[in-house]
N, C-alpha and C. Protein backbone atom coordinates (compact mmCIF):
# COMPACT_ATOMS: atom_id res chain seq x y z
N MET A 1 0.84 -1.19 0.00
CA MET A 1 0.00 0.00 0.00
C MET A 1 0.88 1.25 0.00
N GLN A 2 0.57 2.14 -0.89
CA GLN A 2 1.29 3.42 -0.94
C GLN A 2 0.87 4.31 0.22
N LYS A 3 1.71 5.27 0.52
CA LYS A 3 1.38 6.28 1.52
C LYS A 3 1.20 7.61 0.81
N LEU A 4 0.34 8.43 1.37
CA LEU A 4 0.11 9.77 0.86
C LEU A 4 1.27 10.66 1.28
N LEU A 5 1.87 11.33 0.32
CA LEU A 5 2.99 12.22 0.58
C LEU A 5 2.47 13.65 0.62
N PHE A 6 2.66 14.33 1.75
CA PHE A 6 2.16 15.69 1.89
C PHE A 6 3.20 16.71 1.40
N LEU A 7 2.76 17.60 0.52
CA LEU A 7 3.62 18.66 -0.01
C LEU A 7 3.38 19.90 0.84
N GLU A 8 4.41 20.31 1.59
CA GLU A 8 4.24 21.41 2.53
C GLU A 8 4.91 22.70 2.08
N ASN A 9 5.72 22.61 1.01
CA ASN A 9 6.35 23.83 0.51
C ASN A 9 6.61 23.69 -0.99
N ILE A 10 6.93 24.79 -1.62
CA ILE A 10 7.12 24.80 -3.07
C ILE A 10 8.33 23.97 -3.47
N ALA A 11 9.37 23.96 -2.63
CA ALA A 11 10.55 23.15 -2.93
C ALA A 11 10.18 21.67 -3.04
N ALA A 12 9.31 21.20 -2.16
CA ALA A 12 8.87 19.80 -2.21
C ALA A 12 8.08 19.53 -3.48
N LEU A 13 7.22 20.46 -3.87
CA LEU A 13 6.47 20.33 -5.12
C LEU A 13 7.41 20.25 -6.30
N GLU A 14 8.36 21.16 -6.36
CA GLU A 14 9.33 21.18 -7.47
C GLU A 14 10.12 19.87 -7.53
N GLN A 15 10.54 19.39 -6.37
CA GLN A 15 11.32 18.15 -6.33
C GLN A 15 10.50 16.97 -6.84
N ILE A 16 9.24 16.89 -6.41
CA ILE A 16 8.38 15.79 -6.87
C ILE A 16 8.20 15.86 -8.38
N LEU A 17 7.91 17.04 -8.91
CA LEU A 17 7.68 17.17 -10.34
C LEU A 17 8.94 16.90 -11.14
N THR A 18 10.09 17.24 -10.59
CA THR A 18 11.36 17.01 -11.29
C THR A 18 11.78 15.54 -11.22
N THR A 19 11.70 14.96 -10.04
CA THR A 19 12.20 13.59 -9.87
C THR A 19 11.23 12.55 -10.39
N ALA A 20 9.97 12.92 -10.56
CA ALA A 20 8.99 11.94 -11.04
C ALA A 20 9.31 11.50 -12.46
N GLY A 21 9.87 12.40 -13.27
CA GLY A 21 10.20 12.03 -14.64
C GLY A 21 8.97 11.56 -15.39
N ASN A 22 9.02 10.32 -15.86
CA ASN A 22 7.89 9.76 -16.60
C ASN A 22 6.82 9.17 -15.69
N LYS A 23 7.09 9.14 -14.40
CA LYS A 23 6.15 8.58 -13.44
C LYS A 23 4.98 9.56 -13.24
N PRO A 24 3.74 9.08 -13.32
CA PRO A 24 2.61 9.98 -13.10
C PRO A 24 2.54 10.44 -11.65
N VAL A 25 2.13 11.70 -11.46
CA VAL A 25 1.97 12.29 -10.14
C VAL A 25 0.51 12.71 -9.98
N MET A 26 -0.11 12.24 -8.91
CA MET A 26 -1.47 12.65 -8.59
C MET A 26 -1.37 13.60 -7.41
N ILE A 27 -1.97 14.79 -7.56
CA ILE A 27 -1.97 15.77 -6.47
C ILE A 27 -3.41 15.98 -6.01
N PHE A 28 -3.61 15.76 -4.72
CA PHE A 28 -4.91 15.94 -4.08
C PHE A 28 -4.86 17.21 -3.25
N LYS A 29 -5.68 18.19 -3.62
CA LYS A 29 -5.80 19.43 -2.84
C LYS A 29 -6.93 19.21 -1.84
N HIS A 30 -6.59 19.38 -0.57
CA HIS A 30 -7.51 19.04 0.52
C HIS A 30 -7.72 20.22 1.46
N SER A 31 -8.97 20.40 1.86
CA SER A 31 -9.31 21.38 2.89
C SER A 31 -9.59 20.62 4.18
N SER A 32 -8.89 20.99 5.24
CA SER A 32 -9.06 20.29 6.51
C SER A 32 -10.35 20.67 7.24
N THR A 33 -11.11 21.60 6.70
CA THR A 33 -12.35 22.03 7.36
C THR A 33 -13.61 21.72 6.57
N CYS A 34 -13.49 21.11 5.43
CA CYS A 34 -14.63 20.89 4.54
C CYS A 34 -15.08 19.43 4.57
N PRO A 35 -16.36 19.16 4.83
CA PRO A 35 -16.84 17.77 4.84
C PRO A 35 -16.77 17.10 3.47
N ILE A 36 -16.94 17.86 2.40
CA ILE A 36 -16.82 17.27 1.05
C ILE A 36 -15.37 16.85 0.82
N SER A 37 -14.44 17.65 1.29
CA SER A 37 -13.03 17.31 1.16
C SER A 37 -12.68 16.09 2.02
N ALA A 38 -13.29 15.97 3.18
CA ALA A 38 -13.07 14.80 4.03
C ALA A 38 -13.52 13.53 3.32
N ARG A 39 -14.66 13.61 2.63
CA ARG A 39 -15.14 12.46 1.86
C ARG A 39 -14.19 12.13 0.72
N ALA A 40 -13.71 13.17 0.04
CA ALA A 40 -12.75 12.97 -1.05
C ALA A 40 -11.46 12.34 -0.52
N HIS A 41 -11.04 12.76 0.67
CA HIS A 41 -9.83 12.19 1.28
C HIS A 41 -10.00 10.69 1.51
N ARG A 42 -11.18 10.28 1.95
CA ARG A 42 -11.45 8.85 2.13
C ARG A 42 -11.35 8.10 0.81
N GLU A 43 -11.81 8.72 -0.28
CA GLU A 43 -11.72 8.09 -1.60
C GLU A 43 -10.26 7.96 -2.04
N VAL A 44 -9.45 8.98 -1.78
CA VAL A 44 -8.02 8.91 -2.11
C VAL A 44 -7.36 7.81 -1.28
N ASP A 45 -7.73 7.70 0.00
CA ASP A 45 -7.19 6.63 0.84
C ASP A 45 -7.58 5.26 0.30
N LYS A 46 -8.82 5.12 -0.16
CA LYS A 46 -9.25 3.85 -0.77
C LYS A 46 -8.42 3.55 -2.01
N PHE A 47 -8.14 4.58 -2.80
CA PHE A 47 -7.31 4.42 -4.00
C PHE A 47 -5.92 3.91 -3.61
N LEU A 48 -5.35 4.50 -2.58
CA LEU A 48 -4.02 4.08 -2.13
C LEU A 48 -4.03 2.63 -1.62
N ALA A 49 -5.12 2.21 -1.00
CA ALA A 49 -5.22 0.85 -0.46
C ALA A 49 -5.62 -0.18 -1.52
N SER A 50 -6.03 0.29 -2.68
CA SER A 50 -6.50 -0.61 -3.74
C SER A 50 -5.34 -1.14 -4.57
N ASP A 51 -5.70 -1.78 -5.64
CA ASP A 51 -4.68 -2.27 -6.58
C ASP A 51 -4.33 -1.17 -7.59
N ALA A 52 -4.32 0.06 -7.10
CA ALA A 52 -3.99 1.22 -7.94
C ALA A 52 -2.59 1.06 -8.51
N PRO A 53 -2.37 1.67 -9.66
CA PRO A 53 -1.04 1.58 -10.26
C PRO A 53 0.05 2.07 -9.30
N GLU A 54 0.98 1.18 -9.00
CA GLU A 54 2.06 1.50 -8.06
C GLU A 54 2.96 2.61 -8.58
N GLU A 55 3.02 2.78 -9.88
CA GLU A 55 3.93 3.80 -10.42
C GLU A 55 3.41 5.22 -10.22
N THR A 56 2.13 5.36 -9.85
CA THR A 56 1.57 6.68 -9.62
C THR A 56 1.97 7.18 -8.23
N LEU A 57 2.63 8.31 -8.19
CA LEU A 57 3.01 8.94 -6.94
C LEU A 57 1.86 9.83 -6.49
N VAL A 58 1.31 9.58 -5.30
CA VAL A 58 0.13 10.30 -4.83
C VAL A 58 0.54 11.27 -3.72
N CYS A 59 0.27 12.56 -3.96
CA CYS A 59 0.65 13.62 -3.03
C CYS A 59 -0.59 14.40 -2.62
N ALA A 60 -0.48 15.10 -1.51
CA ALA A 60 -1.58 15.94 -1.03
C ALA A 60 -1.06 17.30 -0.61
N VAL A 61 -1.90 18.29 -0.79
CA VAL A 61 -1.64 19.64 -0.31
C VAL A 61 -2.81 20.02 0.59
N VAL A 62 -2.53 20.29 1.86
CA VAL A 62 -3.57 20.80 2.76
C VAL A 62 -3.58 22.31 2.54
N VAL A 63 -4.64 22.78 1.93
CA VAL A 63 -4.69 24.16 1.46
C VAL A 63 -4.51 25.17 2.60
N GLN A 64 -5.09 24.92 3.76
CA GLN A 64 -4.94 25.86 4.87
C GLN A 64 -3.48 25.98 5.33
N ALA A 65 -2.72 24.92 5.21
CA ALA A 65 -1.33 24.92 5.68
C ALA A 65 -0.34 25.31 4.60
N ALA A 66 -0.72 25.17 3.35
CA ALA A 66 0.23 25.41 2.25
C ALA A 66 -0.48 26.03 1.05
N ARG A 67 -1.12 27.16 1.26
CA ARG A 67 -1.85 27.81 0.18
C ARG A 67 -0.91 28.17 -0.97
N ASN A 68 0.34 28.56 -0.65
CA ASN A 68 1.29 28.90 -1.71
C ASN A 68 1.59 27.70 -2.60
N VAL A 69 1.59 26.50 -2.03
CA VAL A 69 1.82 25.29 -2.84
C VAL A 69 0.60 25.05 -3.73
N SER A 70 -0.58 25.21 -3.18
CA SER A 70 -1.80 25.06 -3.97
C SER A 70 -1.83 26.05 -5.13
N ASP A 71 -1.46 27.29 -4.84
CA ASP A 71 -1.41 28.31 -5.89
C ASP A 71 -0.37 27.96 -6.96
N ALA A 72 0.77 27.41 -6.53
CA ALA A 72 1.82 27.02 -7.48
C ALA A 72 1.34 25.88 -8.38
N VAL A 73 0.59 24.94 -7.83
CA VAL A 73 0.03 23.85 -8.64
C VAL A 73 -0.89 24.43 -9.71
N ALA A 74 -1.75 25.36 -9.32
CA ALA A 74 -2.66 25.99 -10.29
C ALA A 74 -1.87 26.73 -11.37
N ALA A 75 -0.83 27.46 -10.97
CA ALA A 75 -0.03 28.22 -11.93
C ALA A 75 0.71 27.29 -12.88
N LYS A 76 1.28 26.21 -12.37
CA LYS A 76 2.06 25.29 -13.20
C LYS A 76 1.20 24.48 -14.16
N THR A 77 -0.02 24.16 -13.73
CA THR A 77 -0.88 23.29 -14.56
C THR A 77 -1.87 24.06 -15.41
N GLY A 78 -2.17 25.30 -15.02
CA GLY A 78 -3.19 26.06 -15.74
C GLY A 78 -4.60 25.65 -15.37
N VAL A 79 -4.73 24.83 -14.32
CA VAL A 79 -6.04 24.36 -13.88
C VAL A 79 -6.48 25.23 -12.71
N ARG A 80 -7.63 25.85 -12.86
CA ARG A 80 -8.16 26.74 -11.82
C ARG A 80 -8.32 25.98 -10.51
N HIS A 81 -7.95 26.63 -9.42
CA HIS A 81 -8.01 26.02 -8.09
C HIS A 81 -9.42 25.66 -7.67
N ALA A 82 -9.54 24.50 -7.04
CA ALA A 82 -10.76 24.07 -6.36
C ALA A 82 -10.33 23.22 -5.18
N THR A 83 -11.20 23.10 -4.21
CA THR A 83 -10.92 22.22 -3.08
C THR A 83 -12.21 21.52 -2.71
N PRO A 84 -12.24 20.22 -2.66
CA PRO A 84 -11.15 19.31 -2.98
C PRO A 84 -10.97 19.20 -4.49
N GLN A 85 -9.78 18.81 -4.87
CA GLN A 85 -9.44 18.69 -6.29
C GLN A 85 -8.33 17.65 -6.43
N VAL A 86 -8.37 16.90 -7.52
CA VAL A 86 -7.31 15.96 -7.85
C VAL A 86 -6.84 16.25 -9.26
N LEU A 87 -5.52 16.32 -9.41
CA LEU A 87 -4.90 16.53 -10.72
C LEU A 87 -3.95 15.37 -10.99
N LEU A 88 -3.94 14.89 -12.20
CA LEU A 88 -2.99 13.86 -12.62
C LEU A 88 -2.01 14.50 -13.59
N ILE A 89 -0.73 14.44 -13.24
CA ILE A 89 0.31 15.10 -14.02
C ILE A 89 1.25 14.05 -14.59
N ARG A 90 1.47 14.15 -15.88
CA ARG A 90 2.43 13.28 -16.57
C ARG A 90 3.40 14.17 -17.35
N GLU A 91 4.67 13.93 -17.13
CA GLU A 91 5.72 14.68 -17.83
C GLU A 91 5.49 16.19 -17.75
N GLY A 92 5.10 16.66 -16.56
CA GLY A 92 4.94 18.08 -16.32
C GLY A 92 3.64 18.70 -16.77
N LYS A 93 2.75 17.90 -17.37
CA LYS A 93 1.48 18.45 -17.86
C LYS A 93 0.31 17.78 -17.17
N CYS A 94 -0.70 18.57 -16.84
CA CYS A 94 -1.90 18.02 -16.26
C CYS A 94 -2.71 17.35 -17.37
N VAL A 95 -2.93 16.04 -17.23
CA VAL A 95 -3.65 15.29 -18.25
C VAL A 95 -5.09 14.97 -17.84
N TRP A 96 -5.40 15.23 -16.57
CA TRP A 96 -6.74 14.95 -16.06
C TRP A 96 -6.93 15.67 -14.73
N ASN A 97 -8.13 16.11 -14.47
CA ASN A 97 -8.44 16.68 -13.15
C ASN A 97 -9.92 16.54 -12.87
N THR A 98 -10.25 16.55 -11.60
CA THR A 98 -11.64 16.51 -11.17
C THR A 98 -11.72 17.15 -9.80
N SER A 99 -12.94 17.40 -9.36
CA SER A 99 -13.09 18.04 -8.05
C SER A 99 -14.38 17.62 -7.37
N HIS A 100 -14.48 17.98 -6.12
CA HIS A 100 -15.64 17.81 -5.28
C HIS A 100 -16.15 16.37 -5.27
N ARG A 101 -17.41 16.17 -5.51
CA ARG A 101 -18.01 14.83 -5.40
C ARG A 101 -17.62 13.89 -6.54
N SER A 102 -16.94 14.40 -7.54
CA SER A 102 -16.47 13.55 -8.63
C SER A 102 -15.20 12.80 -8.27
N ILE A 103 -14.64 13.10 -7.11
CA ILE A 103 -13.45 12.37 -6.64
C ILE A 103 -13.93 11.08 -5.99
N THR A 104 -13.80 9.99 -6.74
CA THR A 104 -14.21 8.67 -6.25
C THR A 104 -13.11 7.67 -6.55
N LEU A 105 -13.15 6.56 -5.85
CA LEU A 105 -12.18 5.50 -6.12
C LEU A 105 -12.21 5.13 -7.60
N GLU A 106 -13.39 5.00 -8.14
CA GLU A 106 -13.55 4.59 -9.54
C GLU A 106 -12.95 5.64 -10.49
N SER A 107 -13.21 6.94 -10.23
CA SER A 107 -12.69 7.97 -11.14
C SER A 107 -11.17 8.03 -11.06
N LEU A 108 -10.60 7.83 -9.87
CA LEU A 108 -9.15 7.86 -9.73
C LEU A 108 -8.50 6.67 -10.45
N LYS A 109 -9.10 5.51 -10.30
CA LYS A 109 -8.57 4.31 -10.99
C LYS A 109 -8.64 4.48 -12.50
N GLU A 110 -9.79 4.96 -12.97
CA GLU A 110 -9.96 5.16 -14.41
C GLU A 110 -8.95 6.18 -14.95
N ALA A 111 -8.75 7.26 -14.23
CA ALA A 111 -7.81 8.30 -14.68
C ALA A 111 -6.40 7.75 -14.81
N THR A 112 -5.98 6.94 -13.86
CA THR A 112 -4.60 6.44 -13.89
C THR A 112 -4.40 5.35 -14.93
N THR A 113 -5.47 4.67 -15.32
CA THR A 113 -5.30 3.65 -16.33
C THR A 113 -5.51 4.16 -17.75
N LYS A 114 -6.28 5.26 -17.90
CA LYS A 114 -6.58 5.76 -19.25
C LYS A 114 -5.77 6.99 -19.64
N ASN A 115 -5.20 7.68 -18.68
CA ASN A 115 -4.49 8.92 -18.99
C ASN A 115 -3.03 8.70 -18.79
């Protein structure tokens, strides 16, 4: 089972995006005060516990603690910020994203196998 890697500063974000290379990176933007985000977090946890593709690196940004990292993700990907939100990045480009109640185990699995 993979563990969720929390991105707490821009240097960590840059390092993940640089070292990932061809490995897909999934970034989950999470609000620690939102019940919809709490539900989305449970779906991401289910994804990590599933037979999800091991090559996908799954990271999280807690928006209240690292708003600058969340803003940097939006700037780098061109995807407007939302919380909760999941972005799938391959080779530095966002190839898929979803938010709110669309974050489900099924949508995450489908995104990593089709994108």
